[in-house]
N, C-alpha and C. Protein backbone atom coordinates (compact mmCIF):
# COMPACT_ATOMS: atom_id res chain seq x y z
N MET A 1 -26.39 -24.30 -38.35
CA MET A 1 -26.96 -23.36 -39.28
C MET A 1 -26.70 -21.94 -38.79
N PRO A 2 -25.60 -21.35 -39.16
CA PRO A 2 -25.30 -19.98 -38.72
C PRO A 2 -26.28 -18.96 -39.26
N LEU A 3 -26.65 -18.05 -38.40
CA LEU A 3 -27.52 -16.94 -38.77
C LEU A 3 -26.83 -15.67 -38.29
N ILE A 4 -26.68 -14.73 -39.20
CA ILE A 4 -26.05 -13.45 -38.87
C ILE A 4 -27.07 -12.36 -39.16
N LYS A 5 -27.31 -11.49 -38.19
CA LYS A 5 -28.28 -10.40 -38.35
C LYS A 5 -27.59 -9.10 -37.97
N ILE A 6 -27.63 -8.14 -38.90
CA ILE A 6 -26.98 -6.85 -38.67
C ILE A 6 -27.98 -5.74 -38.98
N GLU A 7 -28.14 -4.82 -38.04
CA GLU A 7 -29.03 -3.67 -38.23
C GLU A 7 -28.17 -2.42 -38.40
N THR A 8 -28.48 -1.65 -39.45
CA THR A 8 -27.71 -0.45 -39.75
C THR A 8 -28.66 0.70 -40.02
N HIS A 9 -28.37 1.87 -39.45
CA HIS A 9 -29.17 3.07 -39.68
C HIS A 9 -28.41 3.94 -40.69
N ILE A 10 -29.12 4.33 -41.75
CA ILE A 10 -28.50 5.06 -42.85
C ILE A 10 -29.21 6.40 -43.02
N ASN A 11 -28.43 7.46 -43.11
CA ASN A 11 -28.98 8.81 -43.29
C ASN A 11 -29.30 9.05 -44.76
N ALA A 12 -30.36 8.41 -45.23
CA ALA A 12 -30.77 8.55 -46.63
C ALA A 12 -32.17 7.98 -46.81
N ASP A 13 -32.75 8.31 -47.93
CA ASP A 13 -34.08 7.86 -48.32
C ASP A 13 -34.12 6.34 -48.50
N GLN A 14 -35.22 5.73 -48.10
CA GLN A 14 -35.37 4.28 -48.19
C GLN A 14 -35.24 3.76 -49.62
N LYS A 15 -35.82 4.45 -50.58
CA LYS A 15 -35.74 4.01 -51.98
C LYS A 15 -34.30 4.01 -52.47
N LEU A 16 -33.54 5.05 -52.14
CA LEU A 16 -32.14 5.12 -52.55
C LEU A 16 -31.36 3.96 -51.92
N CYS A 17 -31.60 3.70 -50.65
CA CYS A 17 -30.92 2.59 -49.97
C CYS A 17 -31.25 1.26 -50.63
N PHE A 18 -32.51 1.05 -50.92
CA PHE A 18 -32.95 -0.18 -51.57
C PHE A 18 -32.25 -0.35 -52.92
N ASP A 19 -32.22 0.72 -53.70
CA ASP A 19 -31.61 0.63 -55.04
C ASP A 19 -30.11 0.39 -54.97
N LEU A 20 -29.42 1.14 -54.14
CA LEU A 20 -27.95 1.01 -54.12
C LEU A 20 -27.51 -0.30 -53.48
N ALA A 21 -28.33 -0.89 -52.63
CA ALA A 21 -28.00 -2.20 -52.06
C ALA A 21 -28.04 -3.29 -53.12
N ARG A 22 -28.74 -3.04 -54.23
CA ARG A 22 -28.83 -4.01 -55.33
C ARG A 22 -27.86 -3.69 -56.47
N ASP A 23 -27.06 -2.65 -56.31
CA ASP A 23 -26.15 -2.20 -57.37
C ASP A 23 -24.91 -3.09 -57.42
N ILE A 24 -24.68 -3.70 -58.56
CA ILE A 24 -23.59 -4.66 -58.71
C ILE A 24 -22.22 -3.99 -58.54
N SER A 25 -22.03 -2.79 -59.09
CA SER A 25 -20.72 -2.15 -58.97
C SER A 25 -20.39 -1.77 -57.52
N ILE A 26 -21.40 -1.35 -56.76
CA ILE A 26 -21.17 -1.03 -55.35
C ILE A 26 -20.82 -2.31 -54.59
N HIS A 27 -21.49 -3.39 -54.92
CA HIS A 27 -21.19 -4.67 -54.28
C HIS A 27 -19.74 -5.09 -54.57
N GLU A 28 -19.31 -4.94 -55.80
CA GLU A 28 -17.93 -5.26 -56.16
C GLU A 28 -16.95 -4.40 -55.37
N GLN A 29 -17.21 -3.12 -55.31
CA GLN A 29 -16.31 -2.20 -54.59
C GLN A 29 -16.26 -2.52 -53.10
N SER A 30 -17.37 -2.98 -52.55
CA SER A 30 -17.44 -3.22 -51.11
C SER A 30 -16.58 -4.40 -50.66
N LEU A 31 -16.27 -5.29 -51.58
CA LEU A 31 -15.47 -6.46 -51.21
C LEU A 31 -14.22 -6.57 -52.09
N LYS A 32 -13.57 -5.44 -52.29
CA LYS A 32 -12.33 -5.44 -53.09
C LYS A 32 -11.27 -6.34 -52.49
N ARG A 33 -11.24 -6.43 -51.15
CA ARG A 33 -10.21 -7.25 -50.51
C ARG A 33 -10.33 -8.72 -50.88
N ALA A 34 -11.52 -9.13 -51.33
CA ALA A 34 -11.72 -10.51 -51.78
C ALA A 34 -11.64 -10.61 -53.30
N SER A 35 -11.21 -9.52 -53.96
CA SER A 35 -11.12 -9.47 -55.43
C SER A 35 -12.45 -9.85 -56.08
N LEU A 36 -13.55 -9.39 -55.49
CA LEU A 36 -14.88 -9.74 -55.97
C LEU A 36 -15.17 -9.11 -57.33
N LYS A 37 -15.72 -9.92 -58.23
CA LYS A 37 -16.19 -9.38 -59.50
C LYS A 37 -17.34 -10.23 -60.04
N ALA A 38 -18.26 -9.56 -60.71
CA ALA A 38 -19.38 -10.23 -61.36
C ALA A 38 -18.87 -10.79 -62.68
N VAL A 39 -19.04 -12.09 -62.89
CA VAL A 39 -18.46 -12.72 -64.08
C VAL A 39 -19.48 -13.26 -65.07
N SER A 40 -20.72 -13.48 -64.63
CA SER A 40 -21.76 -13.91 -65.57
C SER A 40 -23.13 -13.61 -65.00
N GLY A 41 -24.14 -13.79 -65.85
CA GLY A 41 -25.48 -13.36 -65.48
C GLY A 41 -25.56 -11.86 -65.66
N LYS A 42 -26.24 -11.20 -64.77
CA LYS A 42 -26.29 -9.73 -64.81
C LYS A 42 -25.02 -9.21 -64.16
N THR A 43 -24.20 -8.49 -64.91
CA THR A 43 -22.90 -8.06 -64.39
C THR A 43 -22.80 -6.56 -64.16
N SER A 44 -23.89 -5.82 -64.37
CA SER A 44 -23.89 -4.39 -64.08
C SER A 44 -25.33 -3.94 -63.82
N GLY A 45 -25.45 -2.80 -63.17
CA GLY A 45 -26.77 -2.24 -62.91
C GLY A 45 -27.39 -2.77 -61.63
N LEU A 46 -28.72 -2.66 -61.55
CA LEU A 46 -29.47 -3.06 -60.36
C LEU A 46 -30.12 -4.42 -60.58
N LEU A 47 -29.96 -5.30 -59.63
CA LEU A 47 -30.59 -6.62 -59.71
C LEU A 47 -32.08 -6.51 -59.44
N GLU A 48 -32.86 -7.25 -60.22
CA GLU A 48 -34.31 -7.28 -60.09
C GLU A 48 -34.75 -8.73 -59.79
N LEU A 49 -36.04 -8.92 -59.56
CA LEU A 49 -36.59 -10.24 -59.26
C LEU A 49 -36.21 -11.24 -60.34
N ASN A 50 -35.78 -12.41 -59.92
CA ASN A 50 -35.40 -13.55 -60.76
C ASN A 50 -34.12 -13.34 -61.56
N GLU A 51 -33.44 -12.24 -61.39
CA GLU A 51 -32.15 -12.06 -62.04
C GLU A 51 -31.07 -12.70 -61.18
N TRP A 52 -29.99 -13.08 -61.82
CA TRP A 52 -28.91 -13.74 -61.10
C TRP A 52 -27.56 -13.18 -61.53
N VAL A 53 -26.60 -13.38 -60.66
CA VAL A 53 -25.23 -12.97 -60.94
C VAL A 53 -24.30 -14.03 -60.37
N SER A 54 -23.26 -14.36 -61.12
CA SER A 54 -22.21 -15.24 -60.61
C SER A 54 -21.03 -14.38 -60.21
N TRP A 55 -20.64 -14.52 -58.97
CA TRP A 55 -19.53 -13.77 -58.41
C TRP A 55 -18.29 -14.64 -58.37
N GLU A 56 -17.16 -14.03 -58.69
CA GLU A 56 -15.87 -14.69 -58.50
C GLU A 56 -15.16 -13.90 -57.41
N GLU A 57 -14.64 -14.62 -56.44
CA GLU A 57 -13.96 -13.97 -55.32
C GLU A 57 -12.90 -14.89 -54.77
N LYS A 58 -11.99 -14.30 -54.01
CA LYS A 58 -10.87 -15.06 -53.47
C LYS A 58 -10.92 -15.03 -51.95
N HIS A 59 -10.98 -16.22 -51.36
CA HIS A 59 -10.96 -16.37 -49.91
C HIS A 59 -9.97 -17.46 -49.55
N PHE A 60 -9.16 -17.18 -48.56
CA PHE A 60 -8.14 -18.14 -48.09
C PHE A 60 -7.21 -18.56 -49.23
N GLY A 61 -6.98 -17.62 -50.17
CA GLY A 61 -6.09 -17.89 -51.29
C GLY A 61 -6.71 -18.73 -52.40
N ILE A 62 -7.99 -19.03 -52.30
CA ILE A 62 -8.66 -19.89 -53.28
C ILE A 62 -9.73 -19.09 -54.00
N VAL A 63 -9.72 -19.14 -55.34
CA VAL A 63 -10.75 -18.47 -56.13
C VAL A 63 -12.02 -19.32 -56.05
N GLN A 64 -13.13 -18.65 -55.72
CA GLN A 64 -14.40 -19.35 -55.57
C GLN A 64 -15.46 -18.66 -56.41
N HIS A 65 -16.53 -19.39 -56.72
CA HIS A 65 -17.66 -18.84 -57.47
C HIS A 65 -18.93 -19.06 -56.67
N LEU A 66 -19.78 -18.06 -56.70
CA LEU A 66 -21.06 -18.10 -55.99
C LEU A 66 -22.10 -17.45 -56.90
N THR A 67 -23.11 -18.22 -57.27
CA THR A 67 -24.20 -17.70 -58.10
C THR A 67 -25.40 -17.44 -57.22
N LEU A 68 -25.85 -16.18 -57.22
CA LEU A 68 -26.99 -15.76 -56.40
C LEU A 68 -28.12 -15.27 -57.29
N LYS A 69 -29.34 -15.61 -56.93
CA LYS A 69 -30.54 -15.20 -57.66
C LYS A 69 -31.44 -14.42 -56.72
N ILE A 70 -32.03 -13.34 -57.24
CA ILE A 70 -33.01 -12.57 -56.45
C ILE A 70 -34.32 -13.37 -56.43
N SER A 71 -34.64 -13.92 -55.26
CA SER A 71 -35.80 -14.81 -55.14
C SER A 71 -37.04 -14.12 -54.56
N GLU A 72 -36.82 -13.03 -53.83
CA GLU A 72 -37.93 -12.25 -53.27
C GLU A 72 -37.63 -10.79 -53.54
N PHE A 73 -38.70 -10.03 -53.83
CA PHE A 73 -38.49 -8.64 -54.21
C PHE A 73 -39.76 -7.85 -53.95
N GLU A 74 -39.70 -6.93 -53.01
CA GLU A 74 -40.83 -6.06 -52.72
C GLU A 74 -40.27 -4.65 -52.54
N LYS A 75 -40.31 -3.89 -53.61
CA LYS A 75 -39.70 -2.56 -53.64
C LYS A 75 -40.50 -1.58 -52.81
N PRO A 76 -39.90 -0.78 -51.99
CA PRO A 76 -38.51 -0.67 -51.52
C PRO A 76 -38.33 -1.27 -50.12
N ILE A 77 -38.95 -2.43 -49.87
CA ILE A 77 -39.02 -2.99 -48.52
C ILE A 77 -38.09 -4.18 -48.31
N LEU A 78 -37.97 -5.04 -49.32
CA LEU A 78 -37.27 -6.30 -49.12
C LEU A 78 -36.74 -6.85 -50.44
N PHE A 79 -35.55 -7.40 -50.39
CA PHE A 79 -35.12 -8.31 -51.44
C PHE A 79 -34.27 -9.40 -50.81
N THR A 80 -34.31 -10.56 -51.44
CA THR A 80 -33.59 -11.73 -50.94
C THR A 80 -32.79 -12.32 -52.07
N GLU A 81 -31.53 -12.66 -51.76
CA GLU A 81 -30.70 -13.37 -52.73
C GLU A 81 -30.41 -14.75 -52.17
N GLU A 82 -30.57 -15.76 -53.05
CA GLU A 82 -30.34 -17.13 -52.63
C GLU A 82 -29.36 -17.80 -53.58
N MET A 83 -28.57 -18.71 -53.01
CA MET A 83 -27.56 -19.40 -53.79
C MET A 83 -28.21 -20.37 -54.78
N GLU A 84 -27.74 -20.27 -56.01
CA GLU A 84 -28.10 -21.24 -57.05
C GLU A 84 -26.97 -22.27 -57.19
N MET A 85 -25.74 -21.78 -57.12
CA MET A 85 -24.55 -22.64 -57.19
C MET A 85 -23.47 -22.02 -56.31
N GLY A 86 -22.67 -22.85 -55.67
CA GLY A 86 -21.58 -22.34 -54.87
C GLY A 86 -21.09 -23.35 -53.85
N VAL A 87 -20.20 -22.89 -52.99
CA VAL A 87 -19.54 -23.77 -52.04
C VAL A 87 -20.39 -24.07 -50.80
N PHE A 88 -21.44 -23.33 -50.59
CA PHE A 88 -22.27 -23.53 -49.40
C PHE A 88 -23.29 -24.65 -49.62
N LYS A 89 -23.71 -25.24 -48.54
CA LYS A 89 -24.84 -26.17 -48.61
C LYS A 89 -26.12 -25.37 -48.79
N ARG A 90 -26.16 -24.21 -48.09
CA ARG A 90 -27.32 -23.30 -48.17
C ARG A 90 -26.81 -21.89 -47.95
N PHE A 91 -27.41 -20.92 -48.67
CA PHE A 91 -27.04 -19.51 -48.53
C PHE A 91 -28.24 -18.67 -48.90
N LYS A 92 -28.75 -17.92 -47.93
CA LYS A 92 -29.90 -17.03 -48.14
C LYS A 92 -29.60 -15.72 -47.44
N ASN A 93 -29.64 -14.62 -48.20
CA ASN A 93 -29.28 -13.31 -47.68
C ASN A 93 -30.45 -12.35 -47.89
N GLU A 94 -31.06 -11.91 -46.81
CA GLU A 94 -32.24 -11.03 -46.87
C GLU A 94 -31.84 -9.60 -46.51
N PHE A 95 -32.43 -8.65 -47.22
CA PHE A 95 -32.23 -7.22 -46.96
C PHE A 95 -33.61 -6.61 -46.72
N HIS A 96 -33.83 -6.14 -45.48
CA HIS A 96 -35.11 -5.53 -45.10
C HIS A 96 -34.88 -4.04 -44.88
N PHE A 97 -35.77 -3.21 -45.43
CA PHE A 97 -35.64 -1.75 -45.34
C PHE A 97 -36.91 -1.16 -44.73
N SER A 98 -36.71 -0.21 -43.82
CA SER A 98 -37.83 0.53 -43.24
C SER A 98 -37.35 1.94 -42.92
N THR A 99 -38.29 2.82 -42.64
CA THR A 99 -37.96 4.21 -42.31
C THR A 99 -38.26 4.45 -40.84
N LEU A 100 -37.31 5.13 -40.18
CA LEU A 100 -37.48 5.49 -38.78
C LEU A 100 -36.86 6.86 -38.57
N LYS A 101 -37.69 7.84 -38.25
CA LYS A 101 -37.22 9.20 -37.96
C LYS A 101 -36.28 9.72 -39.06
N GLU A 102 -36.76 9.72 -40.27
CA GLU A 102 -36.04 10.26 -41.43
C GLU A 102 -34.75 9.51 -41.77
N LYS A 103 -34.57 8.35 -41.21
CA LYS A 103 -33.44 7.49 -41.56
C LYS A 103 -33.99 6.18 -42.09
N THR A 104 -33.15 5.47 -42.82
CA THR A 104 -33.51 4.14 -43.27
C THR A 104 -32.84 3.13 -42.37
N VAL A 105 -33.61 2.15 -41.97
CA VAL A 105 -33.07 1.04 -41.18
C VAL A 105 -32.93 -0.15 -42.13
N LEU A 106 -31.70 -0.61 -42.27
CA LEU A 106 -31.41 -1.80 -43.06
C LEU A 106 -31.12 -2.94 -42.10
N VAL A 107 -31.91 -4.00 -42.21
CA VAL A 107 -31.65 -5.21 -41.44
C VAL A 107 -31.25 -6.28 -42.44
N ASN A 108 -30.02 -6.73 -42.31
CA ASN A 108 -29.47 -7.75 -43.20
C ASN A 108 -29.42 -9.07 -42.41
N VAL A 109 -30.09 -10.09 -42.93
CA VAL A 109 -30.13 -11.39 -42.28
C VAL A 109 -29.54 -12.42 -43.23
N LEU A 110 -28.42 -12.99 -42.84
CA LEU A 110 -27.75 -14.00 -43.64
C LEU A 110 -27.85 -15.35 -42.94
N ASP A 111 -28.42 -16.31 -43.64
CA ASP A 111 -28.55 -17.67 -43.14
C ASP A 111 -27.78 -18.57 -44.09
N PHE A 112 -26.79 -19.27 -43.56
CA PHE A 112 -25.98 -20.13 -44.44
C PHE A 112 -25.56 -21.38 -43.70
N GLU A 113 -25.14 -22.35 -44.49
CA GLU A 113 -24.65 -23.60 -43.92
C GLU A 113 -23.54 -24.12 -44.82
N LEU A 114 -22.46 -24.52 -44.19
CA LEU A 114 -21.36 -25.14 -44.93
C LEU A 114 -21.69 -26.61 -45.20
N PRO A 115 -21.14 -27.16 -46.27
CA PRO A 115 -21.28 -28.61 -46.46
C PRO A 115 -20.36 -29.34 -45.48
N PHE A 116 -20.16 -30.59 -45.66
CA PHE A 116 -19.21 -31.41 -44.90
C PHE A 116 -19.74 -31.86 -43.54
N GLY A 117 -21.06 -31.80 -43.31
CA GLY A 117 -21.64 -32.35 -42.10
C GLY A 117 -21.02 -31.83 -40.82
N PHE A 118 -20.55 -32.77 -39.98
CA PHE A 118 -19.97 -32.42 -38.69
C PHE A 118 -18.76 -31.50 -38.85
N LEU A 119 -17.91 -31.78 -39.84
CA LEU A 119 -16.72 -30.96 -40.08
C LEU A 119 -17.13 -29.52 -40.41
N GLY A 120 -18.17 -29.33 -41.21
CA GLY A 120 -18.67 -27.99 -41.54
C GLY A 120 -19.14 -27.25 -40.29
N LYS A 121 -19.80 -27.96 -39.38
CA LYS A 121 -20.26 -27.34 -38.13
C LYS A 121 -19.08 -26.91 -37.26
N VAL A 122 -18.06 -27.75 -37.21
CA VAL A 122 -16.86 -27.41 -36.44
C VAL A 122 -16.17 -26.19 -37.04
N LEU A 123 -16.01 -26.16 -38.38
CA LEU A 123 -15.38 -25.02 -39.06
C LEU A 123 -16.14 -23.73 -38.78
N ASN A 124 -17.47 -23.80 -38.78
CA ASN A 124 -18.28 -22.62 -38.47
C ASN A 124 -17.98 -22.11 -37.07
N LYS A 125 -17.99 -23.01 -36.10
CA LYS A 125 -17.76 -22.60 -34.72
C LYS A 125 -16.35 -22.06 -34.51
N LEU A 126 -15.37 -22.68 -35.14
CA LEU A 126 -13.99 -22.27 -34.94
C LEU A 126 -13.68 -20.91 -35.54
N PHE A 127 -14.15 -20.67 -36.78
CA PHE A 127 -13.76 -19.39 -37.39
C PHE A 127 -14.65 -18.91 -38.54
N PHE A 128 -15.33 -19.78 -39.25
CA PHE A 128 -15.95 -19.34 -40.49
C PHE A 128 -17.10 -18.36 -40.28
N LYS A 129 -17.92 -18.58 -39.25
CA LYS A 129 -19.03 -17.65 -39.01
C LYS A 129 -18.50 -16.25 -38.73
N ASN A 130 -17.44 -16.15 -37.92
CA ASN A 130 -16.86 -14.84 -37.63
C ASN A 130 -16.25 -14.21 -38.88
N TYR A 131 -15.64 -15.03 -39.73
CA TYR A 131 -15.06 -14.54 -40.99
C TYR A 131 -16.16 -13.95 -41.88
N VAL A 132 -17.25 -14.67 -42.03
CA VAL A 132 -18.37 -14.21 -42.86
C VAL A 132 -19.02 -12.98 -42.25
N LYS A 133 -19.16 -12.94 -40.95
CA LYS A 133 -19.76 -11.78 -40.28
C LYS A 133 -18.91 -10.53 -40.52
N LYS A 134 -17.59 -10.67 -40.44
CA LYS A 134 -16.69 -9.54 -40.69
C LYS A 134 -16.84 -9.04 -42.13
N LEU A 135 -16.90 -9.97 -43.10
CA LEU A 135 -17.11 -9.58 -44.51
C LEU A 135 -18.43 -8.83 -44.67
N LEU A 136 -19.47 -9.33 -44.03
CA LEU A 136 -20.80 -8.72 -44.15
C LEU A 136 -20.81 -7.32 -43.52
N ILE A 137 -20.19 -7.18 -42.37
CA ILE A 137 -20.12 -5.86 -41.72
C ILE A 137 -19.34 -4.88 -42.59
N ASP A 138 -18.21 -5.32 -43.13
CA ASP A 138 -17.43 -4.45 -44.03
C ASP A 138 -18.27 -4.02 -45.23
N ARG A 139 -18.99 -4.96 -45.81
CA ARG A 139 -19.82 -4.66 -46.97
C ARG A 139 -20.91 -3.65 -46.62
N ILE A 140 -21.57 -3.85 -45.49
CA ILE A 140 -22.66 -2.95 -45.10
C ILE A 140 -22.14 -1.56 -44.76
N LEU A 141 -21.00 -1.48 -44.09
CA LEU A 141 -20.42 -0.16 -43.78
C LEU A 141 -20.02 0.57 -45.05
N PHE A 142 -19.48 -0.16 -46.03
CA PHE A 142 -19.15 0.46 -47.31
C PHE A 142 -20.43 0.95 -48.00
N LEU A 143 -21.46 0.12 -47.99
CA LEU A 143 -22.75 0.49 -48.59
C LEU A 143 -23.32 1.73 -47.91
N LYS A 144 -23.28 1.78 -46.60
CA LYS A 144 -23.78 2.93 -45.84
C LYS A 144 -23.04 4.22 -46.27
N MET A 145 -21.71 4.15 -46.34
CA MET A 145 -20.94 5.32 -46.77
C MET A 145 -21.27 5.74 -48.20
N ALA A 146 -21.39 4.77 -49.09
CA ALA A 146 -21.70 5.07 -50.49
C ALA A 146 -23.08 5.72 -50.61
N ILE A 147 -24.04 5.21 -49.89
CA ILE A 147 -25.41 5.76 -49.94
C ILE A 147 -25.42 7.17 -49.35
N GLU A 148 -24.80 7.35 -48.19
CA GLU A 148 -24.82 8.67 -47.56
C GLU A 148 -24.05 9.70 -48.39
N ASN A 149 -22.97 9.31 -49.02
CA ASN A 149 -22.26 10.22 -49.93
C ASN A 149 -23.11 10.58 -51.13
N CYS A 150 -23.83 9.61 -51.66
CA CYS A 150 -24.70 9.83 -52.82
C CYS A 150 -25.86 10.76 -52.46
N SER A 151 -26.42 10.60 -51.26
CA SER A 151 -27.58 11.42 -50.88
C SER A 151 -27.18 12.85 -50.54
N GLU A 152 -25.90 13.08 -50.21
CA GLU A 152 -25.42 14.44 -49.94
C GLU A 152 -25.26 15.25 -51.22
N ASN A 153 -25.00 14.55 -52.31
CA ASN A 153 -24.76 15.23 -53.61
C ASN A 153 -26.03 15.54 -54.34
């Protein structure tokens, strides 16, 4: 059961960070390398409690779909997206926001599990966890830049 936790300090207001982290277009832009796009459910704007979006993306040359639903929502402190449908056995992505010395601290906790039993565990250890961690870091760094650029304007 891989768990990835990333803490990021953002030079912007907590409410702005919370809102832009839920923005579908920013999410799409953050993972352009995977050709990410929202294809059904809520496909634009800010995700709210119980709303869902189906993402289409390309990894390892294969087009995949992942449907995520906002299962927890406490503005502007926390939101959680959980898999409704997709290639994972389990996928839960939490976004925690707090303020520290005029900055926002974003703690992103991703808990996921591949199917395929023992083979899934081996794939995680060999490369998949690192692949997902790199995607998550890229996404968060893009989000940080987008938020900080927005707060400067």
